[in-house]
Amino acid sequence: MDFTDQPAEIRKGENLEIARVEKFIRDAVPGLSGEMTIQQFPRGASNLTYLITIGGREMVLRRPPFGTKAKTAHDMNREYRILIALNPVFSYCPRPIVYTNDASIMGCPFYLMERVSGVILRRDLPSGLDLTPQQVRHLFERLVSVQFELHTIDYHKIGLDNFGKPQGYVERQVLGWSKRYRAAQTPDAPDCESVMAWLQEHMPPDSENPAIIHNDFKLDNVVLDKKDPTKIIGVLDWEMATIGDPLMDLGSSLAYWVESGDPPELQAIRTIPTHLEGALSRKQMIAYYGELSGRSIGDFSFYYCFGLFRLAVIAQQIYYRYYHGQTKDERFKGLIYAVGILEKVACNVIEKM
C-alpha cells in the first residue's frame, strides 16, 4: 500500500496564472519537455504549496498566501536562501531550483524546489499503516536527533552569519509575537494579556550556543521513507527558520506534543500522532535532547509556555484571514477554539510554576 503524501485539486481562490507560470518555469529550468500539470498540497495553513509535474519531473512551487499577511512573514527569498545554504550540509533539506520576485507572473515572489516524495503523518496514522511501540519510539527519537543535528551546523561556515541576530533573540520573540497577537485579535479571541506579561517577566538570558533553528519543527513537517516510515528523509517548511536559541526551537516543537494522558480539550486539537503507544512524553523529549546535546536542561516551563503562546498566535493570524473573508478555506473556521485552548494550557503551565 502506498502512503505517499499526495496533492489534490487546487482550492477555490488559490489558482495560479498557469500560462505565465509555465512560461517562467520552462525558461528557467533547462531540459523540460512534456505537458505541465499543477496540483495543490491541501494541508498547509501558511505558505501555499503546489506540485508542478512536467514530463515526469516533479517540482514543488511555494508562494505566500492570498490576503493580508504579517509584515515580516512569508519572505520567499529568505526561505529560498536557507535552502541554498543548508542543502549541501543537511541531507534532509530539499534542493532549491529557482526563485523570482517578478510580480508580473503571479503578483508575488515564489520559488521552486525538488519534491521530496514520501510519507507525511498527520493527526492519525493512515489506515493500513501500523507501527509497533518500538517503531513509534524510534521515530520520535529520530525526530529529536534530526532537530539536534540541525542545531549543530556551523552557520558561520555556510554563510548564514546575517540570517538572524542571536543577541536579544528571546526578548525579540516575546515582544514580537505579543505584538502580532494583538494585531491579529478578533472580537471572539481571548486577550492572552496574562500570558504575554508572564513571558516578558520570565525571559531567560540569550543562549550561549545560538544555532540554526527551524521554528516549526514537527512531525507533519518531515517526510518519511516509503519503505521505512521510521526513517526521516526530508524536512519541509523553512519559512520561519533563523539563527536563535535552540531551546526556543524545542519549546515550539513541544507545543504540538499532545500526550495520551492529556485532557480531552487538548486531545481535540492534536494534529500529529504523538499519543501513540511508545511515543515519548514531553519530559522524555526534553531529556533526550539534553542527552544528545550533553547539556543539563533545567526547568523548561518558559520555553514550553512560549511555544504554546506562539502557536496560538499563528492560529489566530490564520483565523484572522478567515474571519475577515480573506480566505474561504473552511479548515480555518475552528482555529479560534484552538487559540482558546492553547491560552488555557499556557495559563496552566504558569500556575504550576
Protein backbone atom coordinates (compact mmCIF):
# COMPACT_ATOMS: atom_id res chain seq x y z
CA MET A 1 0.00 0.00 0.00
CA ASP A 2 1.30 3.44 -0.96
CA PHE A 3 1.14 6.02 1.85
CA THR A 4 2.98 8.75 -0.08
CA ASP A 5 1.69 12.26 0.62
CA GLN A 6 -0.43 13.24 -2.38
CA PRO A 7 -1.61 16.57 -3.84
CA ALA A 8 -5.20 17.35 -4.74
CA GLU A 9 -7.17 19.79 -6.88
CA ILE A 10 -6.37 23.46 -6.36
CA ARG A 11 -8.61 25.13 -3.76
CA LYS A 12 -11.06 27.76 -4.90
CA GLY A 13 -9.47 31.20 -4.83
CA GLU A 14 -5.90 29.84 -4.83
CA ASN A 15 -5.44 29.25 -8.56
CA LEU A 16 -2.24 30.31 -10.32
CA GLU A 17 -1.73 32.14 -13.60
CA ILE A 18 -0.97 28.86 -15.35
CA ALA A 19 0.27 30.21 -18.69
CA ARG A 20 2.64 32.72 -17.06
CA VAL A 21 3.90 30.21 -14.52
CA GLU A 22 4.53 27.60 -17.19
CA LYS A 23 6.47 30.04 -19.39
CA PHE A 24 8.64 31.09 -16.46
CA ILE A 25 9.39 27.50 -15.44
CA ARG A 26 10.23 26.32 -18.95
CA ASP A 27 12.52 29.33 -19.47
CA ALA A 28 14.20 28.96 -16.07
CA VAL A 29 14.64 25.18 -15.86
CA PRO A 30 16.53 23.63 -18.77
CA GLY A 31 15.69 20.24 -20.24
CA LEU A 32 11.97 20.16 -19.52
CA SER A 33 9.64 18.55 -22.03
CA GLY A 34 6.10 17.26 -21.94
CA GLU A 35 2.79 18.53 -20.67
CA MET A 36 2.62 20.50 -17.42
CA THR A 37 0.12 19.75 -14.66
CA ILE A 38 -0.44 21.68 -11.42
CA GLN A 39 -1.98 20.33 -8.23
CA GLN A 40 -2.00 21.67 -4.69
CA PHE A 41 -0.89 20.10 -1.44
CA PRO A 42 -4.01 20.71 0.66
CA ARG A 43 -2.66 20.52 4.20
CA GLY A 44 -0.52 23.63 4.68
CA ALA A 45 -2.00 26.56 6.58
CA SER A 46 0.58 29.25 5.78
CA ASN A 47 2.55 29.46 2.53
CA LEU A 48 0.80 27.74 -0.36
CA THR A 49 2.41 24.67 -1.87
CA TYR A 50 1.80 23.25 -5.34
CA LEU A 51 3.09 20.21 -7.22
CA ILE A 52 4.33 21.03 -10.71
CA THR A 53 4.80 18.00 -12.97
CA ILE A 54 6.39 18.28 -16.42
CA GLY A 55 7.21 15.13 -18.32
CA GLY A 56 7.75 13.08 -15.18
CA ARG A 57 9.82 15.77 -13.41
CA GLU A 58 8.23 16.72 -10.10
CA MET A 59 8.86 20.14 -8.59
CA VAL A 60 7.24 21.99 -5.71
CA LEU A 61 6.21 25.64 -6.03
CA ARG A 62 5.94 27.75 -2.87
CA ARG A 63 4.20 31.14 -2.74
CA PRO A 64 2.71 33.37 0.00
CA PRO A 65 -0.97 33.02 0.92
CA PHE A 66 -3.58 35.36 -0.51
CA GLY A 67 -4.93 38.14 1.73
CA THR A 68 -3.41 40.28 4.47
CA LYS A 69 -0.14 38.91 5.85
CA ALA A 70 2.13 39.78 8.76
CA LYS A 71 4.70 42.33 7.64
CA THR A 72 7.77 40.14 8.13
CA ALA A 73 6.14 36.80 7.26
CA HIS A 74 6.15 34.80 4.02
CA ASP A 75 9.52 36.05 2.75
CA MET A 76 10.10 33.77 -0.22
CA ASN A 77 13.62 34.99 -0.86
CA ARG A 78 14.63 34.33 2.73
CA GLU A 79 13.16 30.82 2.61
CA TYR A 80 14.96 30.14 -0.66
CA ARG A 81 18.27 31.37 0.81
CA ILE A 82 18.12 28.92 3.72
CA LEU A 83 17.54 26.05 1.28
CA ILE A 84 20.56 27.10 -0.79
CA ALA A 85 22.78 27.26 2.29
CA LEU A 86 21.52 24.11 4.01
CA ASN A 87 21.04 21.66 1.16
CA PRO A 88 24.76 20.82 0.78
CA VAL A 89 25.28 20.19 4.52
CA PHE A 90 21.91 18.96 5.79
CA SER A 91 20.72 15.97 3.78
CA TYR A 92 17.09 16.44 4.82
CA CYS A 93 16.78 19.84 3.17
CA PRO A 94 15.07 19.92 -0.28
CA ARG A 95 17.17 21.08 -3.23
CA PRO A 96 16.15 24.58 -4.39
CA ILE A 97 15.76 25.15 -8.15
CA VAL A 98 14.89 28.79 -8.89
CA TYR A 99 13.47 31.91 -7.22
CA THR A 100 11.87 35.01 -8.71
CA ASN A 101 10.42 38.25 -7.37
CA ASP A 102 8.88 39.14 -10.74
CA ALA A 103 5.38 40.21 -9.69
CA SER A 104 4.13 40.11 -13.29
CA ILE A 105 3.97 36.30 -13.14
CA MET A 106 1.56 35.83 -10.25
CA GLY A 107 1.69 39.06 -8.27
CA CYS A 108 4.18 37.86 -5.64
CA PRO A 109 7.63 36.27 -5.26
CA PHE A 110 7.80 32.47 -5.38
CA TYR A 111 10.30 29.67 -5.77
CA LEU A 112 10.66 26.10 -6.99
CA MET A 113 12.35 23.18 -5.25
CA GLU A 114 12.70 19.48 -5.92
CA ARG A 115 9.96 17.32 -4.45
CA VAL A 116 10.91 15.06 -1.54
CA SER A 117 8.44 12.24 -2.08
CA GLY A 118 7.47 10.16 0.92
CA VAL A 119 5.09 9.67 3.81
CA ILE A 120 3.88 12.58 5.96
CA LEU A 121 1.98 11.68 9.13
CA ARG A 122 -0.96 13.85 10.14
CA ARG A 123 -3.35 13.62 13.07
CA ASP A 124 -3.61 9.83 12.95
CA LEU A 125 -1.76 7.06 11.16
CA PRO A 126 -3.30 6.32 7.76
CA SER A 127 -5.43 3.20 7.60
CA GLY A 128 -3.19 0.21 6.93
CA LEU A 129 -0.02 1.74 8.36
CA ASP A 130 0.75 0.10 11.68
CA LEU A 131 3.75 0.91 13.84
CA THR A 132 4.81 -1.07 16.89
CA PRO A 133 5.52 0.82 20.14
CA GLN A 134 9.22 0.24 19.49
CA GLN A 135 8.93 1.75 16.00
CA VAL A 136 6.99 4.73 17.36
CA ARG A 137 9.66 5.37 19.99
CA HIS A 138 12.42 5.07 17.38
CA LEU A 139 10.64 7.53 15.06
CA PHE A 140 10.28 10.15 17.77
CA GLU A 141 13.86 9.71 18.92
CA ARG A 142 14.91 10.25 15.31
CA LEU A 143 12.78 13.39 15.21
CA VAL A 144 14.70 14.82 18.17
CA SER A 145 18.01 13.67 16.69
CA VAL A 146 17.41 15.37 13.33
CA GLN A 147 16.39 18.59 15.07
CA PHE A 148 19.54 18.44 17.20
CA GLU A 149 21.62 17.73 14.08
CA LEU A 150 20.29 20.95 12.56
CA HIS A 151 21.30 22.82 15.70
CA THR A 152 24.90 21.55 15.41
CA ILE A 153 25.52 23.01 11.94
CA ASP A 154 28.09 25.81 11.96
CA TYR A 155 26.08 28.63 10.42
CA HIS A 156 29.21 30.77 10.00
CA LYS A 157 30.77 28.20 7.65
CA ILE A 158 27.75 28.11 5.34
CA GLY A 159 27.38 31.86 5.03
CA LEU A 160 24.41 32.46 7.31
CA ASP A 161 26.03 34.96 9.70
CA ASN A 162 23.48 37.59 8.72
CA PHE A 163 20.49 35.26 8.68
CA GLY A 164 19.47 36.17 12.22
CA LYS A 165 20.50 38.12 15.32
CA PRO A 166 21.23 35.81 18.28
CA GLN A 167 21.72 38.73 20.66
CA GLY A 168 18.38 39.69 22.17
CA TYR A 169 16.64 36.82 20.36
CA VAL A 170 14.40 35.73 23.24
CA GLU A 171 13.26 39.26 24.01
CA ARG A 172 12.51 39.98 20.35
CA GLN A 173 10.47 36.80 20.12
CA VAL A 174 8.39 37.53 23.20
CA LEU A 175 7.74 41.14 22.26
CA GLY A 176 7.31 40.41 18.56
CA TRP A 177 4.80 37.59 18.96
CA SER A 178 2.90 39.63 21.54
CA LYS A 179 2.63 42.47 19.04
CA ARG A 180 1.48 40.08 16.33
CA TYR A 181 -1.19 38.62 18.56
CA ARG A 182 -2.63 42.00 19.44
CA ALA A 183 -2.62 42.98 15.76
CA ALA A 184 -4.47 39.78 14.78
CA GLN A 185 -7.06 39.78 17.57
CA THR A 186 -10.66 39.37 16.59
CA PRO A 187 -13.64 40.12 18.88
CA ASP A 188 -14.05 36.40 19.70
CA ALA A 189 -10.39 35.84 20.66
CA PRO A 190 -9.00 35.66 24.24
CA ASP A 191 -6.81 38.63 25.20
CA CYS A 192 -3.82 36.49 26.36
CA GLU A 193 -2.52 39.51 28.31
CA SER A 194 -1.61 37.50 31.43
CA VAL A 195 0.41 35.03 29.35
CA MET A 196 2.23 37.81 27.50
CA ALA A 197 3.02 39.58 30.78
CA TRP A 198 4.38 36.39 32.36
CA LEU A 199 6.59 35.62 29.38
CA GLN A 200 8.00 39.13 29.45
CA GLU A 201 8.76 38.85 33.17
CA HIS A 202 10.44 35.42 32.94
CA MET A 203 12.66 35.68 29.86
CA PRO A 204 15.89 33.67 30.18
CA PRO A 205 19.22 35.15 29.06
CA ASP A 206 20.40 34.70 25.47
CA SER A 207 21.70 31.25 24.58
CA GLU A 208 25.45 30.75 24.79
CA ASN A 209 25.14 28.40 21.80
CA PRO A 210 22.92 30.05 19.17
CA ALA A 211 22.12 27.84 16.20
CA ILE A 212 20.10 27.47 13.03
CA ILE A 213 16.58 26.80 14.21
CA HIS A 214 13.66 25.67 12.09
CA ASN A 215 10.96 27.27 14.27
CA ASP A 216 8.21 24.86 13.17
CA PHE A 217 9.93 21.50 13.57
CA LYS A 218 7.18 18.91 13.94
CA LEU A 219 6.18 15.51 12.67
CA ASP A 220 4.00 16.71 9.78
CA ASN A 221 6.84 18.89 8.53
CA VAL A 222 9.11 15.91 7.99
CA VAL A 223 8.99 13.37 5.17
CA LEU A 224 9.37 9.66 5.96
CA ASP A 225 10.76 6.91 3.77
CA LYS A 226 8.03 4.98 1.91
CA LYS A 227 9.74 1.68 2.70
CA ASP A 228 10.59 2.52 6.30
CA PRO A 229 8.25 5.08 7.90
CA THR A 230 10.52 5.36 10.94
CA LYS A 231 13.26 6.89 8.74
CA ILE A 232 13.24 10.66 8.14
CA ILE A 233 14.32 11.67 4.61
CA GLY A 234 13.22 15.30 4.42
CA VAL A 235 12.38 18.40 6.44
CA LEU A 236 9.94 20.90 4.92
CA ASP A 237 8.53 24.40 5.56
CA TRP A 238 11.59 26.53 6.29
CA GLU A 239 9.75 29.87 6.21
CA MET A 240 10.38 30.69 9.88
CA ALA A 241 13.98 29.45 10.13
CA THR A 242 16.53 31.79 11.68
CA ILE A 243 19.55 31.94 13.99
CA GLY A 244 18.45 31.78 17.62
CA ASP A 245 18.10 29.80 20.83
CA PRO A 246 17.79 26.04 20.16
CA LEU A 247 15.71 25.58 23.32
CA MET A 248 13.16 28.02 21.89
CA ASP A 249 13.02 25.75 18.84
CA LEU A 250 12.44 22.69 21.03
CA GLY A 251 9.78 24.54 23.03
CA SER A 252 7.95 25.43 19.82
CA SER A 253 8.05 21.77 18.80
CA LEU A 254 6.64 20.60 22.13
CA ALA A 255 3.66 22.95 21.79
CA TYR A 256 2.35 20.46 19.21
CA TRP A 257 3.07 17.50 21.51
CA VAL A 258 -0.21 16.10 22.89
CA GLU A 259 0.29 13.06 25.11
CA SER A 260 -2.17 10.20 25.57
CA GLY A 261 -2.86 11.35 29.13
CA ASP A 262 -3.56 14.99 28.30
CA PRO A 263 -7.11 16.34 28.89
CA PRO A 264 -9.81 15.92 26.21
CA GLU A 265 -9.74 19.57 25.13
CA LEU A 266 -6.04 19.29 24.29
CA GLN A 267 -6.65 15.97 22.56
CA ALA A 268 -9.24 17.75 20.41
CA ILE A 269 -6.61 19.99 18.81
CA ARG A 270 -3.97 17.28 18.36
CA THR A 271 -2.56 17.46 14.81
CA ILE A 272 0.08 14.70 14.90
CA PRO A 273 0.00 11.14 16.35
CA THR A 274 2.04 11.88 19.48
CA HIS A 275 -0.50 9.90 21.55
CA LEU A 276 0.53 6.51 20.17
CA GLU A 277 1.81 3.76 22.42
CA GLY A 278 5.57 4.05 22.57
CA ALA A 279 5.62 7.82 21.97
CA LEU A 280 7.99 9.88 24.08
CA SER A 281 6.40 12.25 26.58
CA ARG A 282 7.30 15.93 26.57
CA LYS A 283 9.60 15.33 29.55
CA GLN A 284 11.28 12.44 27.72
CA MET A 285 11.72 14.60 24.62
CA ILE A 286 13.47 17.26 26.69
CA ALA A 287 15.61 14.67 28.47
CA TYR A 288 16.61 13.02 25.18
CA TYR A 289 17.59 16.37 23.69
CA GLY A 290 19.68 17.00 26.79
CA GLU A 291 21.33 13.61 26.38
CA LEU A 292 22.20 14.29 22.74
CA SER A 293 23.48 17.81 23.42
CA GLY A 294 25.35 16.93 26.58
CA ARG A 295 23.78 19.88 28.39
CA SER A 296 21.79 19.97 31.58
CA ILE A 297 18.33 21.34 30.80
CA GLY A 298 16.64 22.70 33.89
CA ASP A 299 13.08 23.91 34.19
CA PHE A 300 11.56 24.08 30.72
CA SER A 301 8.36 25.94 31.64
CA PHE A 302 9.25 29.21 29.90
CA TYR A 303 10.14 27.52 26.60
CA TYR A 304 7.02 25.32 26.61
CA CYS A 305 4.76 28.23 27.58
CA PHE A 306 6.26 30.40 24.86
CA GLY A 307 5.76 27.59 22.35
CA LEU A 308 2.08 27.33 23.28
CA PHE A 309 1.58 31.08 23.03
CA ARG A 310 3.43 31.30 19.73
CA LEU A 311 1.27 28.52 18.31
CA ALA A 312 -1.82 30.41 19.49
CA VAL A 313 -0.59 33.50 17.63
CA ILE A 314 -0.02 31.51 14.43
CA ALA A 315 -3.53 30.05 14.67
CA GLN A 316 -5.01 33.49 15.39
CA GLN A 317 -3.22 35.07 12.43
CA ILE A 318 -4.64 32.41 10.13
CA TYR A 319 -8.09 32.70 11.69
CA TYR A 320 -7.92 36.49 11.23
CA ARG A 321 -7.73 35.94 7.47
CA TYR A 322 -10.78 33.65 7.59
CA TYR A 323 -12.72 35.97 9.91
CA HIS A 324 -12.24 38.90 7.53
CA GLY A 325 -13.07 36.87 4.43
CA GLN A 326 -9.55 36.94 3.00
CA THR A 327 -9.63 33.15 2.59
CA LYS A 328 -12.55 30.78 2.11
CA ASP A 329 -10.67 27.75 3.45
CA GLU A 330 -13.17 26.18 5.88
CA ARG A 331 -10.34 24.41 7.76
CA PHE A 332 -9.55 27.73 9.41
CA LYS A 333 -13.03 28.30 10.87
CA GLY A 334 -12.34 26.28 14.03
CA LEU A 335 -8.92 27.74 14.76
CA ILE A 336 -10.44 30.24 17.20
CA TYR A 337 -11.26 27.33 19.52
CA ALA A 338 -7.66 26.13 19.33
CA VAL A 339 -6.48 29.63 20.32
CA GLY A 340 -8.61 29.50 23.46
CA ILE A 341 -7.38 26.03 24.40
CA LEU A 342 -3.73 26.96 23.89
CA GLU A 343 -4.15 30.03 26.08
CA LYS A 344 -5.69 27.87 28.81
CA VAL A 345 -2.85 25.34 28.66
CA ALA A 346 -0.28 28.15 28.80
CA CYS A 347 -2.03 29.56 31.88
CA ASN A 348 -1.92 26.10 33.49
CA VAL A 349 1.85 25.95 32.88
CA ILE A 350 2.23 29.33 34.58
CA GLU A 351 0.07 28.33 37.57
CA LYS A 352 2.25 25.26 38.22
CA MET A 353 5.41 27.34 38.47
